[in-house]
Amino acid sequence: MASLLVLLPCLASLLLAASPAASTNSEGEALHTWRTRLTDPTNVLQSWDPTLVNPCTWFHVTCDNQNHVIRLDLGNSNISGAIGPELGRLEHLQYLELYRNNFEGKIPSELGNLKSLISMDLYGNRLQGEIPKSFAKLKSLRFLRLNNNRLSGSIPRELVSLSSLKVLDVSNNDLCGTIPIDGPFANFPLQSFDNNSRLNGPELQGLASYDFGC
């Protein structure tokens, strides 16, 4: 009997570790860690309380019926700072909506870990650097809008493997090289690439490398 009493706390700990609440609490920790580095002049993130069991009661956060974070809606929120690599830990996330804020710095490659992601809207910020090649791992992605930023470098040719991608907009950046023509790129209108003064138009296979002019 005594040995059973000793085992009970251990079993309780194991069950807690395996529960959705434990998982979503780690998601809450990731979001709160990111929040501490953001500037939020209108207190949009005021409800993000790290002492709660999970982040499902926070404003601008949506969870599924297992309390996993599946949607983050922070568009038009007047937030500034960098997009944190911690977001790559939200493994069930389907919608990442960070458009029309003042986010700056590079897009973290860790966003390529969001295997369930359907839509990523980062347009209308001050993001710099290259489009991460890790986005090629986002096989469920249908919508990718990165327009109206300060992105540079070539369009990663690895993105041609995203067979589910229906909408791509990288207009109004500083991209260079050529536009891929394979996979979903065969269906994107040229307007998706407008106002990138160093982008040389569709790729001419065999005549020039895709990053020609970068």
N, C-alpha and C. Protein backbone atom coordinates (compact mmCIF):
# COMPACT_ATOMS: atom_id res chain seq x y z
N MET A 1 0.83 -1.21 0.00
CA MET A 1 0.00 0.00 0.00
C MET A 1 0.86 1.25 0.00
N ALA A 2 1.93 1.18 0.84
CA ALA A 2 2.83 2.34 0.92
C ALA A 2 3.49 2.62 -0.42
N SER A 3 3.90 1.53 -1.12
CA SER A 3 4.54 1.72 -2.42
C SER A 3 3.58 2.32 -3.44
N LEU A 4 2.29 1.96 -3.33
CA LEU A 4 1.28 2.52 -4.24
C LEU A 4 1.12 4.01 -4.00
N LEU A 5 1.15 4.42 -2.74
CA LEU A 5 1.04 5.84 -2.41
C LEU A 5 2.22 6.63 -2.97
N VAL A 6 3.37 6.01 -3.00
CA VAL A 6 4.56 6.67 -3.56
C VAL A 6 4.42 6.83 -5.07
N LEU A 7 3.81 5.82 -5.72
CA LEU A 7 3.69 5.85 -7.18
C LEU A 7 2.63 6.83 -7.67
N LEU A 8 1.60 7.07 -6.86
CA LEU A 8 0.48 7.91 -7.32
C LEU A 8 0.91 9.30 -7.78
N PRO A 9 1.77 10.02 -7.01
CA PRO A 9 2.20 11.33 -7.51
C PRO A 9 2.95 11.25 -8.84
N CYS A 10 3.72 10.19 -9.02
CA CYS A 10 4.46 10.02 -10.27
C CYS A 10 3.50 9.81 -11.44
N LEU A 11 2.47 8.98 -11.22
CA LEU A 11 1.49 8.73 -12.27
C LEU A 11 0.74 10.01 -12.61
N ALA A 12 0.40 10.80 -11.61
CA ALA A 12 -0.30 12.06 -11.85
C ALA A 12 0.55 13.01 -12.68
N SER A 13 1.84 13.05 -12.39
CA SER A 13 2.74 13.91 -13.16
C SER A 13 2.83 13.49 -14.61
N LEU A 14 2.86 12.16 -14.84
CA LEU A 14 2.93 11.66 -16.21
C LEU A 14 1.66 11.99 -16.99
N LEU A 15 0.51 11.86 -16.34
CA LEU A 15 -0.75 12.18 -17.01
C LEU A 15 -0.85 13.65 -17.34
N LEU A 16 -0.37 14.50 -16.45
CA LEU A 16 -0.38 15.95 -16.69
C LEU A 16 0.50 16.30 -17.86
N ALA A 17 1.67 15.67 -17.92
CA ALA A 17 2.61 15.97 -19.01
C ALA A 17 2.04 15.57 -20.35
N ALA A 18 1.18 14.56 -20.37
CA ALA A 18 0.62 14.07 -21.64
C ALA A 18 -0.68 14.77 -22.02
N SER A 19 -1.19 15.61 -21.14
CA SER A 19 -2.49 16.23 -21.39
C SER A 19 -2.40 17.40 -22.33
N PRO A 20 -3.50 17.73 -23.06
CA PRO A 20 -3.51 18.91 -23.92
C PRO A 20 -3.22 20.18 -23.16
N ALA A 21 -3.66 20.27 -21.87
CA ALA A 21 -3.41 21.47 -21.08
C ALA A 21 -1.92 21.74 -20.95
N ALA A 22 -1.14 20.67 -20.72
CA ALA A 22 0.31 20.85 -20.61
C ALA A 22 0.89 21.34 -21.92
N SER A 23 0.38 20.80 -23.03
CA SER A 23 0.87 21.21 -24.35
C SER A 23 0.55 22.67 -24.62
N THR A 24 -0.71 23.07 -24.35
CA THR A 24 -1.09 24.44 -24.65
C THR A 24 -0.46 25.42 -23.68
N ASN A 25 -0.11 24.97 -22.48
CA ASN A 25 0.60 25.85 -21.57
C ASN A 25 1.98 26.19 -22.14
N SER A 26 2.62 25.22 -22.79
CA SER A 26 3.91 25.50 -23.43
C SER A 26 3.72 26.47 -24.60
N GLU A 27 2.57 26.36 -25.28
CA GLU A 27 2.27 27.32 -26.34
C GLU A 27 2.07 28.72 -25.75
N GLY A 28 1.40 28.77 -24.60
CA GLY A 28 1.21 30.04 -23.92
C GLY A 28 2.53 30.65 -23.49
N GLU A 29 3.43 29.81 -23.00
CA GLU A 29 4.75 30.29 -22.62
C GLU A 29 5.50 30.87 -23.81
N ALA A 30 5.38 30.21 -24.97
CA ALA A 30 6.03 30.70 -26.18
C ALA A 30 5.48 32.07 -26.57
N LEU A 31 4.14 32.20 -26.54
CA LEU A 31 3.52 33.48 -26.92
C LEU A 31 3.87 34.57 -25.93
N HIS A 32 3.88 34.24 -24.64
CA HIS A 32 4.18 35.28 -23.65
C HIS A 32 5.64 35.71 -23.72
N THR A 33 6.54 34.77 -23.97
CA THR A 33 7.95 35.13 -24.14
C THR A 33 8.12 36.10 -25.29
N TRP A 34 7.41 35.85 -26.39
CA TRP A 34 7.44 36.77 -27.53
C TRP A 34 6.86 38.12 -27.14
N ARG A 35 5.76 38.10 -26.42
CA ARG A 35 5.10 39.35 -26.04
C ARG A 35 6.02 40.28 -25.25
N THR A 36 6.88 39.72 -24.40
CA THR A 36 7.74 40.56 -23.55
C THR A 36 8.71 41.41 -24.37
N ARG A 37 8.92 41.08 -25.63
CA ARG A 37 9.85 41.84 -26.47
C ARG A 37 9.13 42.78 -27.44
N LEU A 38 7.80 42.82 -27.37
CA LEU A 38 7.03 43.64 -28.29
C LEU A 38 6.65 44.98 -27.66
N THR A 39 6.45 45.97 -28.51
CA THR A 39 5.89 47.24 -28.08
C THR A 39 4.42 47.26 -28.47
N ASP A 40 3.57 47.47 -27.47
CA ASP A 40 2.12 47.34 -27.65
C ASP A 40 1.42 48.57 -27.07
N PRO A 41 1.48 49.71 -27.78
CA PRO A 41 1.01 50.98 -27.21
C PRO A 41 -0.49 51.02 -26.91
N THR A 42 -1.29 50.20 -27.55
CA THR A 42 -2.73 50.22 -27.30
C THR A 42 -3.20 49.03 -26.46
N ASN A 43 -2.25 48.32 -25.84
CA ASN A 43 -2.57 47.20 -24.93
C ASN A 43 -3.44 46.12 -25.56
N VAL A 44 -3.16 45.82 -26.81
CA VAL A 44 -3.89 44.75 -27.49
C VAL A 44 -3.62 43.39 -26.82
N LEU A 45 -2.44 43.25 -26.25
CA LEU A 45 -2.03 41.97 -25.67
C LEU A 45 -2.21 41.92 -24.16
N GLN A 46 -3.00 42.81 -23.62
CA GLN A 46 -3.17 42.91 -22.17
C GLN A 46 -3.70 41.63 -21.55
N SER A 47 -4.51 40.89 -22.28
CA SER A 47 -5.13 39.67 -21.74
C SER A 47 -4.18 38.47 -21.75
N TRP A 48 -2.99 38.62 -22.30
CA TRP A 48 -2.05 37.50 -22.40
C TRP A 48 -1.40 37.25 -21.05
N ASP A 49 -2.10 36.55 -20.19
CA ASP A 49 -1.69 36.31 -18.81
C ASP A 49 -0.99 34.95 -18.70
N PRO A 50 0.30 34.92 -18.40
CA PRO A 50 1.04 33.65 -18.39
C PRO A 50 0.67 32.75 -17.21
N THR A 51 -0.09 33.25 -16.24
CA THR A 51 -0.44 32.42 -15.08
C THR A 51 -1.65 31.53 -15.34
N LEU A 52 -2.33 31.72 -16.46
CA LEU A 52 -3.49 30.89 -16.78
C LEU A 52 -3.03 29.51 -17.26
N VAL A 53 -3.93 28.52 -17.18
CA VAL A 53 -3.58 27.14 -17.55
C VAL A 53 -3.18 27.05 -19.02
N ASN A 54 -3.88 27.79 -19.88
CA ASN A 54 -3.54 27.81 -21.30
C ASN A 54 -3.94 29.15 -21.90
N PRO A 55 -3.51 29.46 -23.12
CA PRO A 55 -3.79 30.77 -23.73
C PRO A 55 -5.13 30.87 -24.45
N CYS A 56 -6.00 29.89 -24.27
CA CYS A 56 -7.23 29.85 -25.07
C CYS A 56 -8.25 30.92 -24.68
N THR A 57 -8.07 31.56 -23.53
CA THR A 57 -8.97 32.65 -23.12
C THR A 57 -8.40 34.02 -23.50
N TRP A 58 -7.21 34.06 -24.07
CA TRP A 58 -6.61 35.34 -24.44
C TRP A 58 -7.30 35.90 -25.68
N PHE A 59 -7.41 37.21 -25.73
CA PHE A 59 -7.92 37.85 -26.94
C PHE A 59 -6.94 37.63 -28.09
N HIS A 60 -7.49 37.49 -29.29
CA HIS A 60 -6.72 37.34 -30.53
C HIS A 60 -6.08 35.96 -30.69
N VAL A 61 -6.42 35.03 -29.80
CA VAL A 61 -5.93 33.65 -29.87
C VAL A 61 -7.13 32.72 -29.98
N THR A 62 -7.10 31.81 -30.95
CA THR A 62 -8.18 30.84 -31.12
C THR A 62 -7.61 29.43 -30.95
N CYS A 63 -8.35 28.58 -30.22
CA CYS A 63 -7.91 27.20 -29.99
C CYS A 63 -8.92 26.21 -30.57
N ASP A 64 -8.47 24.99 -30.76
CA ASP A 64 -9.37 23.93 -31.18
C ASP A 64 -9.99 23.27 -29.95
N ASN A 65 -10.75 22.18 -30.15
CA ASN A 65 -11.44 21.57 -29.02
C ASN A 65 -10.51 20.79 -28.09
N GLN A 66 -9.23 20.73 -28.44
CA GLN A 66 -8.24 20.13 -27.55
C GLN A 66 -7.33 21.19 -26.94
N ASN A 67 -7.77 22.44 -27.05
CA ASN A 67 -7.04 23.58 -26.47
C ASN A 67 -5.67 23.81 -27.09
N HIS A 68 -5.51 23.43 -28.35
CA HIS A 68 -4.29 23.76 -29.08
C HIS A 68 -4.51 25.08 -29.83
N VAL A 69 -3.52 25.93 -29.83
CA VAL A 69 -3.62 27.22 -30.53
C VAL A 69 -3.60 26.97 -32.03
N ILE A 70 -4.67 27.39 -32.72
CA ILE A 70 -4.75 27.18 -34.16
C ILE A 70 -4.81 28.49 -34.95
N ARG A 71 -5.01 29.60 -34.24
CA ARG A 71 -5.12 30.87 -34.96
C ARG A 71 -4.59 32.00 -34.09
N LEU A 72 -3.81 32.89 -34.74
CA LEU A 72 -3.29 34.08 -34.07
C LEU A 72 -3.65 35.28 -34.94
N ASP A 73 -4.55 36.13 -34.44
CA ASP A 73 -5.07 37.27 -35.20
C ASP A 73 -4.60 38.58 -34.59
N LEU A 74 -3.55 39.16 -35.14
CA LEU A 74 -3.02 40.42 -34.62
C LEU A 74 -2.87 41.45 -35.74
N GLY A 75 -3.66 41.32 -36.79
CA GLY A 75 -3.63 42.31 -37.86
C GLY A 75 -4.11 43.66 -37.40
N ASN A 76 -3.51 44.74 -37.95
CA ASN A 76 -3.92 46.11 -37.64
C ASN A 76 -3.91 46.40 -36.15
N SER A 77 -2.86 45.98 -35.46
CA SER A 77 -2.84 46.12 -33.99
C SER A 77 -1.80 47.12 -33.48
N ASN A 78 -1.11 47.78 -34.39
CA ASN A 78 -0.13 48.81 -34.01
C ASN A 78 0.99 48.26 -33.12
N ILE A 79 1.33 47.01 -33.35
CA ILE A 79 2.40 46.36 -32.58
C ILE A 79 3.72 46.51 -33.34
N SER A 80 4.80 46.71 -32.59
CA SER A 80 6.12 46.77 -33.22
C SER A 80 7.08 45.84 -32.48
N GLY A 81 8.16 45.51 -33.19
CA GLY A 81 9.14 44.57 -32.66
C GLY A 81 9.45 43.54 -33.73
N ALA A 82 10.12 42.48 -33.33
CA ALA A 82 10.48 41.41 -34.27
C ALA A 82 9.49 40.26 -34.16
N ILE A 83 9.32 39.53 -35.25
CA ILE A 83 8.52 38.30 -35.21
C ILE A 83 9.38 37.23 -34.55
N GLY A 84 8.95 36.75 -33.41
CA GLY A 84 9.79 35.87 -32.60
C GLY A 84 9.90 34.46 -33.12
N PRO A 85 11.06 33.84 -33.01
CA PRO A 85 11.22 32.44 -33.39
C PRO A 85 10.37 31.51 -32.54
N GLU A 86 9.91 32.01 -31.36
CA GLU A 86 9.05 31.19 -30.50
C GLU A 86 7.77 30.76 -31.20
N LEU A 87 7.32 31.53 -32.18
CA LEU A 87 6.09 31.17 -32.88
C LEU A 87 6.22 29.83 -33.59
N GLY A 88 7.43 29.42 -33.89
CA GLY A 88 7.65 28.13 -34.52
C GLY A 88 7.30 26.96 -33.63
N ARG A 89 7.03 27.22 -32.34
CA ARG A 89 6.65 26.16 -31.40
C ARG A 89 5.14 25.92 -31.38
N LEU A 90 4.38 26.73 -32.10
CA LEU A 90 2.92 26.55 -32.13
C LEU A 90 2.57 25.52 -33.21
N GLU A 91 2.83 24.28 -32.94
CA GLU A 91 2.83 23.24 -33.97
C GLU A 91 1.46 22.96 -34.58
N HIS A 92 0.39 23.42 -33.93
CA HIS A 92 -0.96 23.20 -34.47
C HIS A 92 -1.50 24.44 -35.18
N LEU A 93 -0.73 25.50 -35.24
CA LEU A 93 -1.19 26.77 -35.79
C LEU A 93 -1.58 26.62 -37.26
N GLN A 94 -2.77 27.15 -37.62
CA GLN A 94 -3.26 27.10 -38.99
C GLN A 94 -3.29 28.48 -39.65
N TYR A 95 -3.48 29.52 -38.86
CA TYR A 95 -3.59 30.89 -39.39
C TYR A 95 -2.69 31.82 -38.59
N LEU A 96 -1.76 32.47 -39.28
CA LEU A 96 -0.87 33.44 -38.66
C LEU A 96 -1.12 34.79 -39.33
N GLU A 97 -1.84 35.66 -38.64
CA GLU A 97 -2.28 36.94 -39.20
C GLU A 97 -1.59 38.09 -38.46
N LEU A 98 -0.51 38.60 -39.02
CA LEU A 98 0.28 39.67 -38.39
C LEU A 98 0.38 40.89 -39.29
N TYR A 99 -0.53 41.01 -40.23
CA TYR A 99 -0.46 42.06 -41.25
C TYR A 99 -0.69 43.46 -40.67
N ARG A 100 -0.15 44.45 -41.39
CA ARG A 100 -0.35 45.88 -41.11
C ARG A 100 -0.04 46.25 -39.66
N ASN A 101 1.17 45.93 -39.28
CA ASN A 101 1.72 46.36 -38.01
C ASN A 101 3.06 47.05 -38.29
N ASN A 102 3.93 47.06 -37.32
CA ASN A 102 5.25 47.65 -37.50
C ASN A 102 6.35 46.63 -37.19
N PHE A 103 6.08 45.37 -37.53
CA PHE A 103 7.09 44.34 -37.31
C PHE A 103 8.29 44.61 -38.22
N GLU A 104 9.48 44.38 -37.68
CA GLU A 104 10.71 44.63 -38.43
C GLU A 104 11.68 43.49 -38.19
N GLY A 105 12.84 43.59 -38.85
CA GLY A 105 13.82 42.52 -38.74
C GLY A 105 13.51 41.39 -39.72
N LYS A 106 14.17 40.27 -39.56
CA LYS A 106 14.03 39.14 -40.47
C LYS A 106 12.84 38.27 -40.10
N ILE A 107 12.31 37.57 -41.10
CA ILE A 107 11.30 36.55 -40.85
C ILE A 107 12.03 35.32 -40.31
N PRO A 108 11.72 34.85 -39.11
CA PRO A 108 12.48 33.72 -38.56
C PRO A 108 12.25 32.43 -39.34
N SER A 109 13.32 31.71 -39.56
CA SER A 109 13.22 30.45 -40.30
C SER A 109 12.39 29.42 -39.55
N GLU A 110 12.24 29.62 -38.23
CA GLU A 110 11.46 28.69 -37.41
C GLU A 110 9.99 28.62 -37.82
N LEU A 111 9.50 29.63 -38.54
CA LEU A 111 8.11 29.56 -39.01
C LEU A 111 7.91 28.39 -39.97
N GLY A 112 8.98 27.89 -40.53
CA GLY A 112 8.90 26.71 -41.38
C GLY A 112 8.52 25.44 -40.63
N ASN A 113 8.50 25.51 -39.29
CA ASN A 113 8.11 24.35 -38.48
C ASN A 113 6.59 24.24 -38.32
N LEU A 114 5.85 25.23 -38.80
CA LEU A 114 4.40 25.26 -38.60
C LEU A 114 3.71 24.39 -39.66
N LYS A 115 3.83 23.10 -39.50
CA LYS A 115 3.41 22.15 -40.53
C LYS A 115 1.91 22.18 -40.83
N SER A 116 1.09 22.71 -39.90
CA SER A 116 -0.36 22.75 -40.10
C SER A 116 -0.82 24.07 -40.70
N LEU A 117 0.11 24.98 -40.98
CA LEU A 117 -0.25 26.33 -41.39
C LEU A 117 -0.95 26.34 -42.75
N ILE A 118 -2.10 27.04 -42.79
CA ILE A 118 -2.87 27.21 -44.02
C ILE A 118 -2.67 28.60 -44.60
N SER A 119 -2.58 29.60 -43.74
CA SER A 119 -2.48 30.99 -44.18
C SER A 119 -1.46 31.75 -43.35
N MET A 120 -0.57 32.48 -44.04
CA MET A 120 0.39 33.35 -43.38
C MET A 120 0.30 34.73 -44.02
N ASP A 121 -0.12 35.71 -43.24
CA ASP A 121 -0.25 37.08 -43.73
C ASP A 121 0.67 37.99 -42.92
N LEU A 122 1.79 38.36 -43.54
CA LEU A 122 2.77 39.24 -42.90
C LEU A 122 2.90 40.55 -43.65
N TYR A 123 1.96 40.84 -44.54
CA TYR A 123 2.08 42.01 -45.41
C TYR A 123 1.90 43.31 -44.61
N GLY A 124 2.44 44.40 -45.19
CA GLY A 124 2.26 45.71 -44.59
C GLY A 124 3.04 45.92 -43.31
N ASN A 125 4.27 45.41 -43.26
CA ASN A 125 5.15 45.63 -42.12
C ASN A 125 6.48 46.24 -42.60
N ARG A 126 7.54 46.06 -41.84
CA ARG A 126 8.85 46.59 -42.21
C ARG A 126 9.88 45.47 -42.20
N LEU A 127 9.45 44.29 -42.61
CA LEU A 127 10.31 43.12 -42.56
C LEU A 127 11.42 43.20 -43.60
N GLN A 128 12.60 42.75 -43.20
CA GLN A 128 13.78 42.80 -44.07
C GLN A 128 14.38 41.41 -44.21
N GLY A 129 15.44 41.33 -45.02
CA GLY A 129 16.10 40.05 -45.21
C GLY A 129 15.39 39.20 -46.24
N GLU A 130 15.76 37.93 -46.29
CA GLU A 130 15.26 37.04 -47.33
C GLU A 130 14.03 36.27 -46.89
N ILE A 131 13.27 35.79 -47.86
CA ILE A 131 12.17 34.86 -47.59
C ILE A 131 12.81 33.52 -47.18
N PRO A 132 12.48 32.99 -46.02
CA PRO A 132 13.14 31.76 -45.57
C PRO A 132 12.88 30.57 -46.50
N LYS A 133 13.94 29.84 -46.81
CA LYS A 133 13.79 28.62 -47.60
C LYS A 133 13.01 27.56 -46.84
N SER A 134 12.99 27.70 -45.51
CA SER A 134 12.27 26.72 -44.69
C SER A 134 10.77 26.73 -44.95
N PHE A 135 10.25 27.78 -45.60
CA PHE A 135 8.82 27.81 -45.95
C PHE A 135 8.44 26.66 -46.87
N ALA A 136 9.43 26.04 -47.51
CA ALA A 136 9.16 24.90 -48.39
C ALA A 136 8.62 23.71 -47.62
N LYS A 137 8.73 23.72 -46.29
CA LYS A 137 8.22 22.63 -45.46
C LYS A 137 6.74 22.79 -45.14
N LEU A 138 6.15 23.93 -45.51
CA LEU A 138 4.76 24.23 -45.16
C LEU A 138 3.81 23.63 -46.20
N LYS A 139 3.68 22.33 -46.20
CA LYS A 139 2.96 21.63 -47.27
C LYS A 139 1.45 21.88 -47.26
N SER A 140 0.90 22.39 -46.16
CA SER A 140 -0.53 22.69 -46.10
C SER A 140 -0.83 24.14 -46.47
N LEU A 141 0.20 24.94 -46.73
CA LEU A 141 0.03 26.37 -46.93
C LEU A 141 -0.72 26.67 -48.24
N ARG A 142 -1.77 27.49 -48.12
CA ARG A 142 -2.55 27.89 -49.29
C ARG A 142 -2.41 29.38 -49.61
N PHE A 143 -2.18 30.19 -48.57
CA PHE A 143 -2.11 31.64 -48.75
C PHE A 143 -0.83 32.17 -48.10
N LEU A 144 -0.01 32.85 -48.90
CA LEU A 144 1.23 33.45 -48.40
C LEU A 144 1.32 34.87 -48.92
N ARG A 145 1.12 35.84 -48.03
CA ARG A 145 1.14 37.24 -48.44
C ARG A 145 2.23 37.97 -47.66
N LEU A 146 3.26 38.36 -48.39
CA LEU A 146 4.43 39.03 -47.81
C LEU A 146 4.63 40.42 -48.42
N ASN A 147 3.65 40.89 -49.14
CA ASN A 147 3.78 42.15 -49.88
C ASN A 147 3.92 43.36 -48.94
N ASN A 148 4.43 44.44 -49.52
CA ASN A 148 4.57 45.71 -48.81
C ASN A 148 5.44 45.58 -47.56
N ASN A 149 6.63 45.04 -47.79
CA ASN A 149 7.67 44.99 -46.77
C ASN A 149 8.96 45.50 -47.40
N ARG A 150 10.09 45.09 -46.83
CA ARG A 150 11.40 45.49 -47.36
C ARG A 150 12.26 44.25 -47.60
N LEU A 151 11.62 43.18 -48.03
CA LEU A 151 12.32 41.92 -48.22
C LEU A 151 13.26 42.00 -49.42
N SER A 152 14.37 41.28 -49.33
CA SER A 152 15.37 41.28 -50.40
C SER A 152 15.77 39.85 -50.72
N GLY A 153 16.72 39.71 -51.64
CA GLY A 153 17.15 38.38 -52.06
C GLY A 153 16.21 37.81 -53.11
N SER A 154 16.49 36.58 -53.50
CA SER A 154 15.68 35.94 -54.54
C SER A 154 14.49 35.21 -53.92
N ILE A 155 13.51 34.90 -54.76
CA ILE A 155 12.38 34.06 -54.33
C ILE A 155 12.90 32.63 -54.21
N PRO A 156 12.82 32.02 -53.04
CA PRO A 156 13.38 30.66 -52.90
C PRO A 156 12.74 29.69 -53.89
N ARG A 157 13.57 29.07 -54.70
CA ARG A 157 13.03 28.15 -55.69
C ARG A 157 12.42 26.91 -55.04
N GLU A 158 12.79 26.68 -53.78
CA GLU A 158 12.24 25.55 -53.04
C GLU A 158 10.72 25.65 -52.90
N LEU A 159 10.17 26.85 -53.03
CA LEU A 159 8.73 27.04 -52.85
C LEU A 159 7.90 26.41 -53.97
N VAL A 160 8.54 26.00 -55.05
CA VAL A 160 7.78 25.37 -56.13
C VAL A 160 7.20 24.02 -55.69
N SER A 161 7.67 23.49 -54.57
CA SER A 161 7.15 22.21 -54.07
C SER A 161 5.86 22.36 -53.28
N LEU A 162 5.40 23.60 -53.07
CA LEU A 162 4.19 23.83 -52.28
C LEU A 162 2.95 23.66 -53.17
N SER A 163 2.55 22.43 -53.38
CA SER A 163 1.47 22.15 -54.33
C SER A 163 0.12 22.69 -53.88
N SER A 164 -0.06 22.96 -52.59
CA SER A 164 -1.33 23.47 -52.08
C SER A 164 -1.44 24.99 -52.18
N LEU A 165 -0.33 25.67 -52.50
CA LEU A 165 -0.32 27.13 -52.48
C LEU A 165 -1.18 27.70 -53.60
N LYS A 166 -2.19 28.48 -53.22
CA LYS A 166 -3.13 29.06 -54.18
C LYS A 166 -2.91 30.55 -54.39
N VAL A 167 -2.46 31.24 -53.36
CA VAL A 167 -2.26 32.69 -53.43
C VAL A 167 -0.88 33.03 -52.89
N LEU A 168 -0.12 33.77 -53.68
CA LEU A 168 1.19 34.28 -53.27
C LEU A 168 1.25 35.75 -53.67
N ASP A 169 1.67 36.61 -52.73
CA ASP A 169 1.86 38.02 -53.05
C ASP A 169 3.15 38.48 -52.40
N VAL A 170 4.14 38.81 -53.22
CA VAL A 170 5.41 39.35 -52.72
C VAL A 170 5.68 40.72 -53.34
N SER A 171 4.64 41.37 -53.83
CA SER A 171 4.80 42.67 -54.48
C SER A 171 5.27 43.73 -53.47
N ASN A 172 5.84 44.80 -54.02
CA ASN A 172 6.28 45.94 -53.21
C ASN A 172 7.31 45.56 -52.15
N ASN A 173 8.38 44.91 -52.64
CA ASN A 173 9.53 44.60 -51.81
C ASN A 173 10.78 44.99 -52.60
N ASP A 174 11.92 44.37 -52.28
CA ASP A 174 13.16 44.63 -53.01
C ASP A 174 13.78 43.31 -53.44
N LEU A 175 12.94 42.41 -53.96
CA LEU A 175 13.41 41.10 -54.38
C LEU A 175 14.19 41.18 -55.68
N CYS A 176 15.03 40.19 -55.92
CA CYS A 176 15.85 40.18 -57.12
C CYS A 176 15.83 38.79 -57.74
N GLY A 177 16.53 38.64 -58.86
CA GLY A 177 16.55 37.35 -59.55
C GLY A 177 15.38 37.19 -60.48
N THR A 178 14.92 35.98 -60.64
CA THR A 178 13.81 35.69 -61.55
C THR A 178 12.66 35.02 -60.81
N ILE A 179 11.52 34.97 -61.45
CA ILE A 179 10.32 34.36 -60.88
C ILE A 179 10.26 32.89 -61.29
N PRO A 180 10.18 31.96 -60.35
CA PRO A 180 10.05 30.55 -60.73
C PRO A 180 8.81 30.33 -61.59
N ILE A 181 8.83 29.30 -62.40
CA ILE A 181 7.69 29.02 -63.29
C ILE A 181 7.09 27.64 -63.05
N ASP A 182 7.70 26.88 -62.14
CA ASP A 182 7.24 25.51 -61.89
C ASP A 182 6.20 25.46 -60.78
N GLY A 183 5.54 24.31 -60.66
CA GLY A 183 4.59 24.09 -59.57
C GLY A 183 3.51 25.16 -59.54
N PRO A 184 3.16 25.65 -58.35
CA PRO A 184 2.07 26.63 -58.25
C PRO A 184 2.39 27.96 -58.90
N PHE A 185 3.67 28.24 -59.14
CA PHE A 185 4.06 29.52 -59.75
C PHE A 185 3.53 29.67 -61.17
N ALA A 186 3.17 28.56 -61.78
CA ALA A 186 2.60 28.63 -63.13
C ALA A 186 1.25 29.34 -63.14
N ASN A 187 0.62 29.45 -61.97
CA ASN A 187 -0.74 30.01 -61.90
C ASN A 187 -0.82 31.38 -61.24
N PHE A 188 0.30 31.90 -60.73
CA PHE A 188 0.26 33.19 -60.05
C PHE A 188 0.33 34.33 -61.06
N PRO A 189 -0.55 35.33 -60.96
CA PRO A 189 -0.48 36.48 -61.90
C PRO A 189 0.77 37.30 -61.65
N LEU A 190 1.25 37.98 -62.68
CA LEU A 190 2.46 38.79 -62.55
C LEU A 190 2.29 39.92 -61.53
N GLN A 191 1.05 40.31 -61.26
CA GLN A 191 0.82 41.34 -60.25
C GLN A 191 1.29 40.91 -58.87
N SER A 192 1.41 39.62 -58.67
CA SER A 192 1.89 39.10 -57.38
C SER A 192 3.34 39.49 -57.12
N PHE A 193 4.03 39.94 -58.18
CA PHE A 193 5.46 40.22 -58.08
C PHE A 193 5.79 41.69 -58.40
N ASP A 194 4.76 42.51 -58.57
CA ASP A 194 4.95 43.91 -58.97
C ASP A 194 5.83 44.69 -58.00
N ASN A 195 6.45 45.73 -58.56
CA ASN A 195 7.21 46.70 -57.76
C ASN A 195 8.33 46.08 -56.95
N ASN A 196 9.06 45.19 -57.60
CA ASN A 196 10.36 44.71 -57.13
C ASN A 196 11.35 45.07 -58.23
N SER A 197 12.00 46.20 -58.10
CA SER A 197 12.75 46.78 -59.22
C SER A 197 13.90 45.89 -59.70
N ARG A 198 14.36 44.95 -58.87
CA ARG A 198 15.48 44.09 -59.28
C ARG A 198 15.03 42.69 -59.67
N LEU A 199 13.71 42.48 -59.75
CA LEU A 199 13.18 41.19 -60.16
C LEU A 199 13.07 41.17 -61.68
N ASN A 200 13.66 40.16 -62.31
CA ASN A 200 13.85 40.17 -63.76
C ASN A 200 12.76 39.46 -64.56
N GLY A 201 11.64 39.13 -63.96
CA GLY A 201 10.59 38.46 -64.70
C GLY A 201 10.70 36.96 -64.61
N PRO A 202 9.84 36.22 -65.32
CA PRO A 202 9.81 34.76 -65.24
C PRO A 202 11.15 34.13 -65.62
N GLU A 203 11.45 33.05 -64.96
CA GLU A 203 12.69 32.32 -65.18
C GLU A 203 12.76 31.76 -66.60
N LEU A 204 13.90 31.93 -67.23
CA LEU A 204 14.13 31.34 -68.55
C LEU A 204 15.07 30.16 -68.34
N GLN A 205 14.50 29.00 -68.20
CA GLN A 205 15.28 27.84 -67.83
C GLN A 205 16.37 27.54 -68.85
N GLY A 206 17.58 27.32 -68.34
CA GLY A 206 18.71 26.99 -69.19
C GLY A 206 19.44 28.21 -69.72
N LEU A 207 18.85 29.40 -69.59
CA LEU A 207 19.49 30.62 -70.11
C LEU A 207 20.14 31.44 -69.00
N ALA A 208 19.54 31.44 -67.83
CA ALA A 208 20.09 32.18 -66.70
C ALA A 208 19.62 31.53 -65.40
N SER A 209 20.44 31.60 -64.38
CA SER A 209 20.05 31.03 -63.10
C SER A 209 18.91 31.85 -62.49
N TYR A 210 18.15 31.20 -61.62
CA TYR A 210 16.98 31.87 -61.07
C TYR A 210 17.35 33.08 -60.24
N ASP A 211 18.57 33.12 -59.68
CA ASP A 211 18.98 34.26 -58.87
C ASP A 211 19.82 35.25 -59.67
N PHE A 212 19.71 35.18 -61.01
CA PHE A 212 20.44 36.11 -61.87
C PHE A 212 20.07 37.56 -61.54
N GLY A 213 21.07 38.38 -61.33
CA GLY A 213 20.84 39.78 -61.02
C GLY A 213 20.80 40.11 -59.55
N CYS A 214 20.96 39.11 -58.67
CA CYS A 214 20.99 39.36 -57.22
C CYS A 214 22.39 39.77 -56.76
